[in-house]
Amino acid sequence: MPAGPIDPPARLLMGPGPITVYPRVLQAMSAQLVGQYDPFMTATMAETQALYREVFVTDNDATLLVDGTSRAGIEAALVSLVAPGDRVLVPRFGRFGHLLVEIAERCGAEVHTIDVPWGQVFAPEAIEAAIREVRPKVLAIVHGDTSTTVAQPLDELGAICRAHDVLLYCDTTATLGGNEFLTDAWGLDAVTAGLQKCLGGPSGSAPITLSSRAVEVIESRKSIEAGIRDADSVVRADRIRSNYFDLGQILDYWGPKRLNHHTEATTMLYGARECARLLLEEGIGAAVARHRLHGDAMLAGVQGLGLAVFGDVAHRMTNVVGVEIPEGIAGDAVRAELLEDYGIEIGTSFGPLHGRVWRIGTMGYNARRDAVLVTLAALEAVLRRHGAPVPTGGGTEAAQGVYGAVA
């Protein structure tokens, strides 16, 4: 018997991502395809570039999409900026710092790391001291690490990197659109993101923006592949080590040359464009304030249930709360019952935090009052069923207190 049409169950995705997609994004993604060089297509690509310059708060001409999940954007940035033997410094404060190390090592880099305990962030002085010692070509850092729910302050790092002639790359997958992020003002050279968190879209497209300094490095490594070269094409022996993630060629694909590097993922382009339109219609400042409000309500709610919060609350992301699993409570069983009985998904955690912490997200389409209150009410009911001594109505009442304070 052939498989039937796709029919996913109703879910409220309140984990660290992916999240419930904005209906308008789903609608945009149902639009019909056109040819990759159709004037409508190239105009839509140009519109999307302009929209993401506003999203990233940058004047960078080199702002576009990498086809693939947010990890594709990370890999494209690092493999295009980092040549074998280059020094890369990675400050690690969670799982995704380890990912940057993994990818940089695969690029052949000489990778150096500094660490703080998960749940904490770095002082800029510590990062500058490591830069003085390592003398890296690239400082690669995560803005908000969903594994720990904290966000690394970036506002002083650009000036530090400029003073030491270091390129500053940042992964802002977990924070863009729901936390303040100022690419140019903070002196960032390369930034990558994803749609599946605060931007409220599906995973599968990675917005990226590159400073003129970053583009200069990429251009110095660009080599046009055989079969699409012309008489003026550059060919190098020390070319970027990935073809698909070669930003030298991808920049020419998105630019006036329209180099035939790959076929753009049209449906994801439509979705990414709509994610940016939604954010800019709301206003970035308003979206950040919305994420902060509902994040604060969720934080107050879990504390109102008597649950401890993980990590440095002063540096927490607006859109994810880390919750210590109470002693004697089976964390995975609670998550399973929330999903089965209420259709609500919350997240577990990784590495040293696995089995210790739940991660509850309030982001994108789900950064709203009803989603917060329903999640807290369901969590209270399941915890009580498991014998946890949670106060009746403690979570929703505490969250209502946050909402009442801004009414």
Foldseek 3Di string as FASTA:
>chain_A
DDDDDDDDDDFQEFALWQGAFDPVLVVLLVDDDDACPPPVNLVLQVLLQVLVCVLQQHPFPFKGKAFFFLVLQLLLLLLLQDAAAFEEEFEDQADVSVVNVVSNVVNNYPYHYDYDYHQAEDDVVVVLVVCVVRVGQEYEYEQADLQRQFGYDQQAVLVSCVVSNHAYEYEDASARLQADHHCVNSNHAKYKYACRWQLRFHGTMIIMGGDPVSVVSSLVQDADDPPQDDPPTHHDPRHRPDLSSSVNQVSCCSDPVVRPSDRDPRSVSSSSSVSSVVSVVCPSVNNNVLLQLLLVLLVQLCVLQVWDWGHDPVRGHSWKTKTFDDPPDQVVVLQVCCCPVPSYHWAAHDDPRGRTIIMTTQHHPNSDDVNSLSVSQSSSVSCVVSPDPTDVCRRNVRSVVSVVVVD
